[in-house]
């Protein structure tokens, strides 16, 4: 990872990453976004939900 990175993007729809995001953010100190959880978050927002799922990283907090 680049030492001055602002965030980490994990780009692959086939990877199960939701359970990894919070730990990676805690370890790296930067936001971590993955394509499948980001799609889930966007779908939740489209149907009127808050998109909040505690314990799964900054996007969901």
Protein backbone atom coordinates (compact mmCIF):
# COMPACT_ATOMS: atom_id res chain seq x y z
CA UNK A 1 0.00 0.00 0.00
CA UNK A 2 1.18 3.54 -0.72
CA UNK A 3 2.31 5.24 2.51
CA UNK A 4 0.30 8.42 1.80
CA UNK A 5 -2.89 6.74 0.60
CA UNK A 6 -6.18 8.47 1.51
CA UNK A 7 -8.20 5.23 1.32
CA UNK A 8 -8.06 1.61 0.20
CA UNK A 9 -10.35 0.36 -2.57
CA UNK A 10 -10.88 -3.38 -2.91
CA UNK A 11 -12.39 -3.75 -6.36
CA UNK A 12 -13.84 -7.18 -6.98
CA UNK A 13 -17.49 -8.11 -6.76
CA UNK A 14 -16.70 -11.75 -6.07
CA UNK A 15 -14.80 -11.22 -2.81
CA UNK A 16 -16.55 -11.56 0.54
CA UNK A 17 -15.09 -8.48 2.23
CA UNK A 18 -17.79 -7.06 4.51
CA UNK A 19 -16.32 -8.79 7.56
CA UNK A 20 -12.81 -7.49 6.79
CA UNK A 21 -13.49 -3.79 6.36
CA UNK A 22 -13.58 -2.64 10.01
CA UNK A 23 -10.39 -4.50 10.94
CA UNK A 24 -8.52 -3.12 7.94
CA UNK A 25 -9.65 0.42 8.72
CA UNK A 26 -8.52 0.05 12.34
CA UNK A 27 -5.16 -1.36 11.27
CA UNK A 28 -4.48 1.09 8.42
CA UNK A 29 -6.15 4.21 9.84
CA UNK A 30 -7.85 5.04 6.53
CA UNK A 31 -11.28 4.29 4.99
CA UNK A 32 -11.62 0.94 3.22
CA UNK A 33 -14.25 0.53 0.49
CA UNK A 34 -15.07 -2.65 -1.36
CA UNK A 35 -17.36 -2.92 -4.36
CA UNK A 36 -19.89 -5.43 -2.99
CA UNK A 37 -20.47 -3.72 0.39
CA UNK A 38 -20.64 -0.34 -1.39
CA UNK A 39 -23.32 -1.77 -3.68
CA UNK A 40 -25.23 -3.09 -0.66
CA UNK A 41 -25.01 0.32 1.01
CA UNK A 42 -26.28 2.05 -2.15
CA UNK A 43 -29.16 -0.44 -2.49
CA UNK A 44 -30.17 0.15 1.13
CA UNK A 45 -30.22 3.90 0.50
CA UNK A 46 -32.29 3.46 -2.67
CA UNK A 47 -35.06 1.67 -0.76
CA UNK A 48 -35.12 4.34 1.95
CA UNK A 49 -32.97 2.73 4.63
CA UNK A 50 -30.19 4.62 6.41
CA UNK A 51 -27.43 2.34 5.13
CA UNK A 52 -26.12 1.98 8.67
CA UNK A 53 -24.78 -1.37 9.86
CA UNK A 54 -22.68 -0.94 13.01
CA UNK A 55 -19.30 -2.63 13.14
CA UNK A 56 -18.68 -2.81 9.40
CA UNK A 57 -16.54 0.25 8.76
CA UNK A 58 -16.90 3.92 8.05
CA UNK A 59 -19.21 3.60 5.04
CA UNK A 60 -21.83 1.83 7.12
CA UNK A 61 -21.35 3.91 10.29
